[in-house]
């Protein structure tokens, strides 16, 4: 016990422990708040990557629609259910996708 007392009463050790506790729990930019912000930043970066992929896919689709009449016709038939005169349209839904 007598060997431990000098370490416990050491002013540098006390100051260091106080500093660490203060920085972990009481500071304006504490560890837990930084961790939450890092996680939020990661989520936002993932969303940014997703939306960038969607933008690239849409730009490619737009380029195809502007340059190819066949692609334009396919798009109109699939999205807006347009048809030529004398054609019938049958809409089939996937039952597994409808349950979701």
PDB file of N, CA and C in Angstrom:
ATOM      1  N   UNK A   1       0.822  -1.197   0.000  1.00  0.00           N
ATOM      2  CA  UNK A   1       0.000   0.000   0.000  1.00  0.00           C
ATOM      3  C   UNK A   1       0.860   1.252   0.000  1.00  0.00           C
ATOM      4  N   UNK A   2       1.982   1.173   0.741  1.00  0.00           N
ATOM      5  CA  UNK A   2       2.866   2.338   0.803  1.00  0.00           C
ATOM      6  C   UNK A   2       3.551   2.601  -0.535  1.00  0.00           C
ATOM      7  N   UNK A   3       3.693   1.570  -1.361  1.00  0.00           N
ATOM      8  CA  UNK A   3       4.301   1.752  -2.672  1.00  0.00           C
ATOM      9  C   UNK A   3       3.339   2.432  -3.639  1.00  0.00           C
ATOM     10  N   UNK A   4       2.039   2.263  -3.451  1.00  0.00           N
ATOM     11  CA  UNK A   4       1.021   2.816  -4.353  1.00  0.00           C
ATOM     12  C   UNK A   4       0.743   4.287  -4.042  1.00  0.00           C
ATOM     13  N   UNK A   5       0.822   4.686  -2.792  1.00  0.00           N
ATOM     14  CA  UNK A   5       0.474   6.054  -2.378  1.00  0.00           C
ATOM     15  C   UNK A   5       1.289   7.122  -3.101  1.00  0.00           C
ATOM     16  N   UNK A   6       2.573   6.978  -3.304  1.00  0.00           N
ATOM     17  CA  UNK A   6       3.304   8.030  -4.037  1.00  0.00           C
ATOM     18  C   UNK A   6       2.823   8.198  -5.478  1.00  0.00           C
ATOM     19  N   UNK A   7       2.392   7.109  -6.119  1.00  0.00           N
ATOM     20  CA  UNK A   7       1.893   7.215  -7.481  1.00  0.00           C
ATOM     21  C   UNK A   7       0.534   7.897  -7.516  1.00  0.00           C
ATOM     22  N   UNK A   8      -0.304   7.604  -6.551  1.00  0.00           N
ATOM     23  CA  UNK A   8      -1.641   8.184  -6.499  1.00  0.00           C
ATOM     24  C   UNK A   8      -1.568   9.669  -6.175  1.00  0.00           C
ATOM     25  N   UNK A   9      -0.656  10.079  -5.354  1.00  0.00           N
ATOM     26  CA  UNK A   9      -0.548  11.487  -4.971  1.00  0.00           C
ATOM     27  C   UNK A   9       0.347  12.282  -5.906  1.00  0.00           C
ATOM     28  N   UNK A  10       0.869  11.651  -6.933  1.00  0.00           N
ATOM     29  CA  UNK A  10       1.714  12.346  -7.903  1.00  0.00           C
ATOM     30  C   UNK A  10       0.863  13.377  -8.655  1.00  0.00           C
ATOM     31  N   UNK A  11       1.297  14.631  -8.661  1.00  0.00           N
ATOM     32  CA  UNK A  11       0.488  15.697  -9.263  1.00  0.00           C
ATOM     33  C   UNK A  11       0.384  15.549 -10.780  1.00  0.00           C
ATOM     34  N   UNK A  12       1.381  14.979 -11.414  1.00  0.00           N
ATOM     35  CA  UNK A  12       1.329  14.784 -12.859  1.00  0.00           C
ATOM     36  C   UNK A  12       0.325  13.690 -13.236  1.00  0.00           C
ATOM     37  N   UNK A  13       0.290  12.641 -12.435  1.00  0.00           N
ATOM     38  CA  UNK A  13      -0.676  11.569 -12.670  1.00  0.00           C
ATOM     39  C   UNK A  13      -2.099  12.082 -12.450  1.00  0.00           C
ATOM     40  N   UNK A  14      -2.309  12.834 -11.402  1.00  0.00           N
ATOM     41  CA  UNK A  14      -3.635  13.396 -11.118  1.00  0.00           C
ATOM     42  C   UNK A  14      -4.068  14.336 -12.240  1.00  0.00           C
ATOM     43  N   UNK A  15      -3.145  15.187 -12.690  1.00  0.00           N
ATOM     44  CA  UNK A  15      -3.457  16.125 -13.773  1.00  0.00           C
ATOM     45  C   UNK A  15      -3.755  15.376 -15.070  1.00  0.00           C
ATOM     46  N   UNK A  16      -2.988  14.323 -15.344  1.00  0.00           N
ATOM     47  CA  UNK A  16      -3.205  13.538 -16.568  1.00  0.00           C
ATOM     48  C   UNK A  16      -4.554  12.830 -16.540  1.00  0.00           C
ATOM     49  N   UNK A  17      -4.887  12.215 -15.421  1.00  0.00           N
ATOM     50  CA  UNK A  17      -6.171  11.532 -15.291  1.00  0.00           C
ATOM     51  C   UNK A  17      -7.315  12.537 -15.416  1.00  0.00           C
ATOM     52  N   UNK A  18      -7.190  13.686 -14.770  1.00  0.00           N
ATOM     53  CA  UNK A  18      -8.210  14.729 -14.870  1.00  0.00           C
ATOM     54  C   UNK A  18      -8.369  15.183 -16.320  1.00  0.00           C
ATOM     55  N   UNK A  19      -7.251  15.377 -17.016  1.00  0.00           N
ATOM     56  CA  UNK A  19      -7.293  15.812 -18.406  1.00  0.00           C
ATOM     57  C   UNK A  19      -7.993  14.770 -19.288  1.00  0.00           C
ATOM     58  N   UNK A  20      -7.648  13.504 -19.117  1.00  0.00           N
ATOM     59  CA  UNK A  20      -8.247  12.444 -19.926  1.00  0.00           C
ATOM     60  C   UNK A  20      -9.748  12.346 -19.660  1.00  0.00           C
ATOM     61  N   UNK A  21     -10.134  12.379 -18.395  1.00  0.00           N
ATOM     62  CA  UNK A  21     -11.558  12.308 -18.055  1.00  0.00           C
ATOM     63  C   UNK A  21     -12.295  13.515 -18.622  1.00  0.00           C
ATOM     64  N   UNK A  22     -11.704  14.681 -18.507  1.00  0.00           N
ATOM     65  CA  UNK A  22     -12.337  15.897 -19.029  1.00  0.00           C
ATOM     66  C   UNK A  22     -12.518  15.807 -20.544  1.00  0.00           C
ATOM     67  N   UNK A  23     -11.494  15.350 -21.254  1.00  0.00           N
ATOM     68  CA  UNK A  23     -11.573  15.279 -22.706  1.00  0.00           C
ATOM     69  C   UNK A  23     -12.560  14.195 -23.162  1.00  0.00           C
ATOM     70  N   UNK A  24     -12.674  13.116 -22.416  1.00  0.00           N
ATOM     71  CA  UNK A  24     -13.585  12.047 -22.823  1.00  0.00           C
ATOM     72  C   UNK A  24     -15.049  12.383 -22.568  1.00  0.00           C
ATOM     73  N   UNK A  25     -15.337  13.071 -21.492  1.00  0.00           N
ATOM     74  CA  UNK A  25     -16.739  13.218 -21.089  1.00  0.00           C
ATOM     75  C   UNK A  25     -17.270  14.644 -21.069  1.00  0.00           C
ATOM     76  N   UNK A  26     -16.460  15.622 -20.702  1.00  0.00           N
ATOM     77  CA  UNK A  26     -16.996  16.955 -20.444  1.00  0.00           C
ATOM     78  C   UNK A  26     -16.661  18.003 -21.494  1.00  0.00           C
ATOM     79  N   UNK A  27     -15.740  17.754 -22.353  1.00  0.00           N
ATOM     80  CA  UNK A  27     -15.335  18.747 -23.333  1.00  0.00           C
ATOM     81  C   UNK A  27     -16.434  18.946 -24.375  1.00  0.00           C
ATOM     82  N   UNK A  28     -16.397  20.089 -25.031  1.00  0.00           N
ATOM     83  CA  UNK A  28     -17.391  20.399 -26.056  1.00  0.00           C
ATOM     84  C   UNK A  28     -17.297  19.406 -27.218  1.00  0.00           C
ATOM     85  N   UNK A  29     -16.134  18.927 -27.508  1.00  0.00           N
ATOM     86  CA  UNK A  29     -15.917  17.955 -28.584  1.00  0.00           C
ATOM     87  C   UNK A  29     -15.466  16.629 -27.976  1.00  0.00           C
ATOM     88  N   UNK A  30     -16.295  16.043 -27.145  1.00  0.00           N
ATOM     89  CA  UNK A  30     -15.928  14.814 -26.454  1.00  0.00           C
ATOM     90  C   UNK A  30     -15.869  13.626 -27.419  1.00  0.00           C
ATOM     91  N   UNK A  31     -15.319  12.540 -26.935  1.00  0.00           N
ATOM     92  CA  UNK A  31     -15.082  11.356 -27.758  1.00  0.00           C
ATOM     93  C   UNK A  31     -16.374  10.802 -28.342  1.00  0.00           C
ATOM     94  N   UNK A  32     -17.397  10.726 -27.558  1.00  0.00           N
ATOM     95  CA  UNK A  32     -18.648  10.113 -28.001  1.00  0.00           C
ATOM     96  C   UNK A  32     -19.343  10.953 -29.068  1.00  0.00           C
ATOM     97  N   UNK A  33     -19.266  12.258 -28.928  1.00  0.00           N
ATOM     98  CA  UNK A  33     -19.843  13.134 -29.944  1.00  0.00           C
ATOM     99  C   UNK A  33     -19.062  13.011 -31.255  1.00  0.00           C
ATOM    100  N   UNK A  34     -17.752  12.905 -31.159  1.00  0.00           N
ATOM    101  CA  UNK A  34     -16.936  12.727 -32.358  1.00  0.00           C
ATOM    102  C   UNK A  34     -17.261  11.406 -33.051  1.00  0.00           C
ATOM    103  N   UNK A  35     -17.485  10.372 -32.272  1.00  0.00           N
ATOM    104  CA  UNK A  35     -17.835   9.071 -32.849  1.00  0.00           C
ATOM    105  C   UNK A  35     -19.177   9.144 -33.569  1.00  0.00           C
ATOM    106  N   UNK A  36     -20.160   9.802 -32.967  1.00  0.00           N
ATOM    107  CA  UNK A  36     -21.468   9.959 -33.616  1.00  0.00           C
ATOM    108  C   UNK A  36     -21.341  10.724 -34.917  1.00  0.00           C
ATOM    109  N   UNK A  37     -20.559  11.768 -34.911  1.00  0.00           N
ATOM    110  CA  UNK A  37     -20.379  12.570 -36.125  1.00  0.00           C
ATOM    111  C   UNK A  37     -19.638  11.795 -37.205  1.00  0.00           C
ATOM    112  N   UNK A  38     -18.669  10.977 -36.815  1.00  0.00           N
ATOM    113  CA  UNK A  38     -17.964  10.146 -37.784  1.00  0.00           C
ATOM    114  C   UNK A  38     -18.929   9.146 -38.423  1.00  0.00           C
ATOM    115  N   UNK A  39     -19.789   8.555 -37.616  1.00  0.00           N
ATOM    116  CA  UNK A  39     -20.780   7.614 -38.143  1.00  0.00           C
ATOM    117  C   UNK A  39     -21.762   8.316 -39.082  1.00  0.00           C
ATOM    118  N   UNK A  40     -22.193   9.491 -38.692  1.00  0.00           N
ATOM    119  CA  UNK A  40     -23.109  10.260 -39.543  1.00  0.00           C
ATOM    120  C   UNK A  40     -22.437  10.637 -40.858  1.00  0.00           C
ATOM    121  N   UNK A  41     -21.163  11.030 -40.793  1.00  0.00           N
ATOM    122  CA  UNK A  41     -20.423  11.364 -42.003  1.00  0.00           C
ATOM    123  C   UNK A  41     -20.320  10.153 -42.919  1.00  0.00           C
ATOM    124  N   UNK A  42     -20.083   8.984 -42.342  1.00  0.00           N
ATOM    125  CA  UNK A  42     -20.000   7.764 -43.140  1.00  0.00           C
ATOM    126  C   UNK A  42     -21.338   7.477 -43.833  1.00  0.00           C
ATOM    127  N   UNK A  43     -22.436   7.639 -43.116  1.00  0.00           N
ATOM    128  CA  UNK A  43     -23.758   7.429 -43.718  1.00  0.00           C
ATOM    129  C   UNK A  43     -24.004   8.408 -44.859  1.00  0.00           C
ATOM    130  N   UNK A  44     -23.636   9.668 -44.655  1.00  0.00           N
ATOM    131  CA  UNK A  44     -23.833  10.674 -45.697  1.00  0.00           C
ATOM    132  C   UNK A  44     -22.966  10.393 -46.916  1.00  0.00           C
ATOM    133  N   UNK A  45     -21.754   9.912 -46.703  1.00  0.00           N
ATOM    134  CA  UNK A  45     -20.891   9.563 -47.832  1.00  0.00           C
ATOM    135  C   UNK A  45     -21.459   8.383 -48.611  1.00  0.00           C
ATOM    136  N   UNK A  46     -22.061   7.435 -47.902  1.00  0.00           N
ATOM    137  CA  UNK A  46     -22.694   6.305 -48.578  1.00  0.00           C
ATOM    138  C   UNK A  46     -23.891   6.781 -49.411  1.00  0.00           C
ATOM    139  N   UNK A  47     -24.685   7.694 -48.856  1.00  0.00           N
ATOM    140  CA  UNK A  47     -25.817   8.249 -49.601  1.00  0.00           C
ATOM    141  C   UNK A  47     -25.324   9.014 -50.821  1.00  0.00           C
ATOM    142  N   UNK A  48     -24.241   9.763 -50.654  1.00  0.00           N
ATOM    143  CA  UNK A  48     -23.683  10.530 -51.763  1.00  0.00           C
ATOM    144  C   UNK A  48     -23.249   9.600 -52.885  1.00  0.00           C
ATOM    145  N   UNK A  49     -22.593   8.500 -52.544  1.00  0.00           N
ATOM    146  CA  UNK A  49     -22.160   7.533 -53.554  1.00  0.00           C
ATOM    147  C   UNK A  49     -23.365   6.921 -54.257  1.00  0.00           C
ATOM    148  N   UNK A  50     -24.406   6.608 -53.504  1.00  0.00           N
ATOM    149  CA  UNK A  50     -25.618   6.033 -54.103  1.00  0.00           C
ATOM    150  C   UNK A  50     -26.245   7.019 -55.092  1.00  0.00           C
ATOM    151  N   UNK A  51     -26.401   8.258 -54.669  1.00  0.00           N
ATOM    152  CA  UNK A  51     -27.028   9.240 -55.550  1.00  0.00           C
ATOM    153  C   UNK A  51     -26.147   9.559 -56.751  1.00  0.00           C
ATOM    154  N   UNK A  52     -24.837   9.497 -56.583  1.00  0.00           N
ATOM    155  CA  UNK A  52     -23.948   9.716 -57.718  1.00  0.00           C
ATOM    156  C   UNK A  52     -24.110   8.585 -58.735  1.00  0.00           C
ATOM    157  N   UNK A  53     -24.266   7.358 -58.263  1.00  0.00           N
ATOM    158  CA  UNK A  53     -24.534   6.236 -59.166  1.00  0.00           C
ATOM    159  C   UNK A  53     -25.852   6.433 -59.904  1.00  0.00           C
ATOM    160  N   UNK A  54     -26.869   6.867 -59.187  1.00  0.00           N
ATOM    161  CA  UNK A  54     -28.173   7.100 -59.810  1.00  0.00           C
ATOM    162  C   UNK A  54     -28.080   8.204 -60.862  1.00  0.00           C
ATOM    163  N   UNK A  55     -27.332   9.256 -60.576  1.00  0.00           N
ATOM    164  CA  UNK A  55     -27.161  10.343 -61.539  1.00  0.00           C
ATOM    165  C   UNK A  55     -26.460   9.829 -62.785  1.00  0.00           C
ATOM    166  N   UNK A  56     -25.396   9.033 -62.602  1.00  0.00           N
ATOM    167  CA  UNK A  56     -24.673   8.485 -63.751  1.00  0.00           C
ATOM    168  C   UNK A  56     -25.569   7.579 -64.586  1.00  0.00           C
ATOM    169  N   UNK A  57     -26.376   6.743 -63.911  1.00  0.00           N
ATOM    170  CA  UNK A  57     -27.279   5.849 -64.627  1.00  0.00           C
ATOM    171  C   UNK A  57     -28.324   6.651 -65.412  1.00  0.00           C
ATOM    172  N   UNK A  58     -28.846   7.708 -64.802  1.00  0.00           N
ATOM    173  CA  UNK A  58     -29.850   8.539 -65.466  1.00  0.00           C
ATOM    174  C   UNK A  58     -29.255   9.283 -66.649  1.00  0.00           C
ATOM    175  N   UNK A  59     -28.021   9.770 -66.501  1.00  0.00           N
ATOM    176  CA  UNK A  59     -27.367  10.455 -67.624  1.00  0.00           C
ATOM    177  C   UNK A  59     -27.144   9.498 -68.790  1.00  0.00           C
ATOM    178  N   UNK A  60     -26.749   8.263 -68.483  1.00  0.00           N
ATOM    179  CA  UNK A  60     -26.551   7.272 -69.539  1.00  0.00           C
ATOM    180  C   UNK A  60     -27.880   6.980 -70.235  1.00  0.00           C
ATOM    181  N   UNK A  61     -28.926   6.827 -69.455  1.00  0.00           N
ATOM    182  CA  UNK A  61     -30.250   6.555 -70.016  1.00  0.00           C
ATOM    183  C   UNK A  61     -30.728   7.725 -70.873  1.00  0.00           C
ATOM    184  N   UNK A  62     -30.486   8.937 -70.416  1.00  0.00           N
ATOM    185  CA  UNK A  62     -30.870  10.122 -71.184  1.00  0.00           C
ATOM    186  C   UNK A  62     -30.105  10.183 -72.497  1.00  0.00           C
ATOM    187  N   UNK A  63     -28.818   9.878 -72.456  1.00  0.00           N
ATOM    188  CA  UNK A  63     -28.026   9.856 -73.692  1.00  0.00           C
ATOM    189  C   UNK A  63     -28.554   8.830 -74.668  1.00  0.00           C
ATOM    190  N   UNK A  64     -28.943   7.650 -74.162  1.00  0.00           N
ATOM    191  CA  UNK A  64     -29.522   6.628 -75.033  1.00  0.00           C
ATOM    192  C   UNK A  64     -30.838   7.103 -75.639  1.00  0.00           C
ATOM    193  N   UNK A  65     -31.661   7.766 -74.826  1.00  0.00           N
ATOM    194  CA  UNK A  65     -32.962   8.231 -75.330  1.00  0.00           C
ATOM    195  C   UNK A  65     -32.804   9.325 -76.375  1.00  0.00           C
ATOM    196  N   UNK A  66     -31.799  10.172 -76.218  1.00  0.00           N
ATOM    197  CA  UNK A  66     -31.596  11.259 -77.182  1.00  0.00           C
ATOM    198  C   UNK A  66     -31.030  10.750 -78.501  1.00  0.00           C
ATOM    199  N   UNK A  67     -30.282   9.648 -78.468  1.00  0.00           N
ATOM    200  CA  UNK A  67     -29.575   9.198 -79.670  1.00  0.00           C
ATOM    201  C   UNK A  67     -30.228   8.021 -80.375  1.00  0.00           C
ATOM    202  N   UNK A  68     -31.108   7.307 -79.714  1.00  0.00           N
ATOM    203  CA  UNK A  68     -31.652   6.095 -80.316  1.00  0.00           C
ATOM    204  C   UNK A  68     -33.182   6.114 -80.291  1.00  0.00           C
ATOM    205  N   UNK A  69     -33.802   6.115 -81.466  1.00  0.00           N
ATOM    206  CA  UNK A  69     -35.269   6.062 -81.502  1.00  0.00           C
ATOM    207  C   UNK A  69     -35.815   4.738 -80.950  1.00  0.00           C
ATOM    208  N   UNK A  70     -35.083   3.658 -81.106  1.00  0.00           N
ATOM    209  CA  UNK A  70     -35.543   2.369 -80.583  1.00  0.00           C
ATOM    210  C   UNK A  70     -35.566   2.399 -79.061  1.00  0.00           C
ATOM    211  N   UNK A  71     -34.566   3.018 -78.457  1.00  0.00           N
ATOM    212  CA  UNK A  71     -34.527   3.129 -76.999  1.00  0.00           C
ATOM    213  C   UNK A  71     -35.655   4.031 -76.506  1.00  0.00           C
ATOM    214  N   UNK A  72     -35.945   5.083 -77.261  1.00  0.00           N
ATOM    215  CA  UNK A  72     -37.032   5.981 -76.900  1.00  0.00           C
ATOM    216  C   UNK A  72     -38.372   5.247 -76.946  1.00  0.00           C
ATOM    217  N   UNK A  73     -38.571   4.437 -77.981  1.00  0.00           N
ATOM    218  CA  UNK A  73     -39.811   3.666 -78.092  1.00  0.00           C
ATOM    219  C   UNK A  73     -39.917   2.643 -76.953  1.00  0.00           C
ATOM    220  N   UNK A  74     -38.824   1.966 -76.647  1.00  0.00           N
ATOM    221  CA  UNK A  74     -38.815   0.991 -75.565  1.00  0.00           C
ATOM    222  C   UNK A  74     -39.144   1.662 -74.226  1.00  0.00           C
ATOM    223  N   UNK A  75     -38.567   2.830 -73.999  1.00  0.00           N
ATOM    224  CA  UNK A  75     -38.811   3.571 -72.756  1.00  0.00           C
ATOM    225  C   UNK A  75     -40.284   3.970 -72.649  1.00  0.00           C
ATOM    226  N   UNK A  76     -40.843   4.479 -73.737  1.00  0.00           N
ATOM    227  CA  UNK A  76     -42.247   4.904 -73.733  1.00  0.00           C
ATOM    228  C   UNK A  76     -43.183   3.718 -73.513  1.00  0.00           C
ATOM    229  N   UNK A  77     -42.864   2.587 -74.098  1.00  0.00           N
ATOM    230  CA  UNK A  77     -43.714   1.401 -73.936  1.00  0.00           C
ATOM    231  C   UNK A  77     -43.640   0.860 -72.506  1.00  0.00           C
ATOM    232  N   UNK A  78     -42.433   0.863 -71.905  1.00  0.00           N
ATOM    233  CA  UNK A  78     -42.278   0.302 -70.565  1.00  0.00           C
ATOM    234  C   UNK A  78     -42.794   1.238 -69.475  1.00  0.00           C
ATOM    235  N   UNK A  79     -42.473   2.501 -69.584  1.00  0.00           N
ATOM    236  CA  UNK A  79     -42.809   3.438 -68.504  1.00  0.00           C
ATOM    237  C   UNK A  79     -44.238   3.970 -68.593  1.00  0.00           C
ATOM    238  N   UNK A  80     -44.648   4.303 -69.775  1.00  0.00           N
ATOM    239  CA  UNK A  80     -45.947   4.973 -69.935  1.00  0.00           C
ATOM    240  C   UNK A  80     -46.996   4.098 -70.590  1.00  0.00           C
ATOM    241  N   UNK A  81     -46.671   2.828 -70.816  1.00  0.00           N
ATOM    242  CA  UNK A  81     -47.591   1.858 -71.386  1.00  0.00           C
ATOM    243  C   UNK A  81     -48.206   2.322 -72.709  1.00  0.00           C
ATOM    244  N   UNK A  82     -47.395   2.993 -73.515  1.00  0.00           N
ATOM    245  CA  UNK A  82     -47.866   3.431 -74.832  1.00  0.00           C
ATOM    246  C   UNK A  82     -47.870   2.233 -75.779  1.00  0.00           C
ATOM    247  N   UNK A  83     -48.742   2.301 -76.760  1.00  0.00           N
ATOM    248  CA  UNK A  83     -48.862   1.194 -77.703  1.00  0.00           C
ATOM    249  C   UNK A  83     -49.157   1.732 -79.091  1.00  0.00           C
ATOM    250  N   UNK A  84     -48.926   0.867 -80.050  1.00  0.00           N
ATOM    251  CA  UNK A  84     -49.256   1.209 -81.431  1.00  0.00           C
ATOM    252  C   UNK A  84     -50.713   0.842 -81.678  1.00  0.00           C
ATOM    253  N   UNK A  85     -51.260   1.362 -82.741  1.00  0.00           N
ATOM    254  CA  UNK A  85     -52.642   1.030 -83.096  1.00  0.00           C
ATOM    255  C   UNK A  85     -52.758  -0.463 -83.372  1.00  0.00           C
ATOM    256  N   UNK A  86     -53.795  -1.072 -82.838  1.00  0.00           N
ATOM    257  CA  UNK A  86     -54.051  -2.485 -83.079  1.00  0.00           C
ATOM    258  C   UNK A  86     -53.296  -3.411 -82.129  1.00  0.00           C
ATOM    259  N   UNK A  87     -52.571  -2.878 -81.173  1.00  0.00           N
ATOM    260  CA  UNK A  87     -51.848  -3.714 -80.211  1.00  0.00           C
ATOM    261  C   UNK A  87     -52.624  -3.798 -78.904  1.00  0.00           C
ATOM    262  N   UNK A  88     -52.445  -4.880 -78.205  1.00  0.00           N
ATOM    263  CA  UNK A  88     -53.007  -5.036 -76.871  1.00  0.00           C
ATOM    264  C   UNK A  88     -51.853  -5.121 -75.878  1.00  0.00           C
ATOM    265  N   UNK A  89     -52.062  -4.553 -74.698  1.00  0.00           N
ATOM    266  CA  UNK A  89     -51.029  -4.577 -73.663  1.00  0.00           C
ATOM    267  C   UNK A  89     -51.507  -5.451 -72.520  1.00  0.00           C
ATOM    268  N   UNK A  90     -50.655  -6.389 -72.114  1.00  0.00           N
ATOM    269  CA  UNK A  90     -50.922  -7.239 -70.965  1.00  0.00           C
ATOM    270  C   UNK A  90     -49.891  -6.905 -69.898  1.00  0.00           C
ATOM    271  N   UNK A  91     -50.347  -6.550 -68.710  1.00  0.00           N
ATOM    272  CA  UNK A  91     -49.446  -6.192 -67.618  1.00  0.00           C
ATOM    273  C   UNK A  91     -49.373  -7.368 -66.660  1.00  0.00           C
ATOM    274  N   UNK A  92     -48.169  -7.877 -66.455  1.00  0.00           N
ATOM    275  CA  UNK A  92     -47.929  -9.000 -65.558  1.00  0.00           C
ATOM    276  C   UNK A  92     -47.106  -8.492 -64.372  1.00  0.00           C
ATOM    277  N   UNK A  93     -47.561  -8.805 -63.167  1.00  0.00           N
ATOM    278  CA  UNK A  93     -46.837  -8.395 -61.977  1.00  0.00           C
ATOM    279  C   UNK A  93     -46.228  -9.611 -61.321  1.00  0.00           C
ATOM    280  N   UNK A  94     -45.066  -9.451 -60.782  1.00  0.00           N
ATOM    281  CA  UNK A  94     -44.384 -10.519 -60.058  1.00  0.00           C
ATOM    282  C   UNK A  94     -44.986 -10.581 -58.658  1.00  0.00           C
ATOM    283  N   UNK A  95     -45.505 -11.736 -58.284  1.00  0.00           N
ATOM    284  CA  UNK A  95     -46.189 -11.860 -56.997  1.00  0.00           C
ATOM    285  C   UNK A  95     -45.203 -11.719 -55.831  1.00  0.00           C
ATOM    286  N   UNK A  96     -43.955 -12.130 -56.005  1.00  0.00           N
ATOM    287  CA  UNK A  96     -42.961 -11.995 -54.923  1.00  0.00           C
ATOM    288  C   UNK A  96     -42.631 -10.527 -54.688  1.00  0.00           C
ATOM    289  N   UNK A  97     -42.544  -9.744 -55.758  1.00  0.00           N
ATOM    290  CA  UNK A  97     -42.253  -8.317 -55.617  1.00  0.00           C
ATOM    291  C   UNK A  97     -43.454  -7.567 -55.071  1.00  0.00           C
ATOM    292  N   UNK A  98     -44.663  -8.033 -55.367  1.00  0.00           N
ATOM    293  CA  UNK A  98     -45.870  -7.368 -54.872  1.00  0.00           C
ATOM    294  C   UNK A  98     -46.035  -7.547 -53.365  1.00  0.00           C
ATOM    295  N   UNK A  99     -45.542  -8.655 -52.810  1.00  0.00           N
ATOM    296  CA  UNK A  99     -45.657  -8.912 -51.380  1.00  0.00           C
ATOM    297  C   UNK A  99     -44.743  -8.011 -50.559  1.00  0.00           C
ATOM    298  N   UNK A 100     -43.659  -7.578 -51.140  1.00  0.00           N
ATOM    299  CA  UNK A 100     -42.713  -6.727 -50.421  1.00  0.00           C
ATOM    300  C   UNK A 100     -43.301  -5.372 -50.288  1.00  0.00           C
TER     301      UNK A 100
END
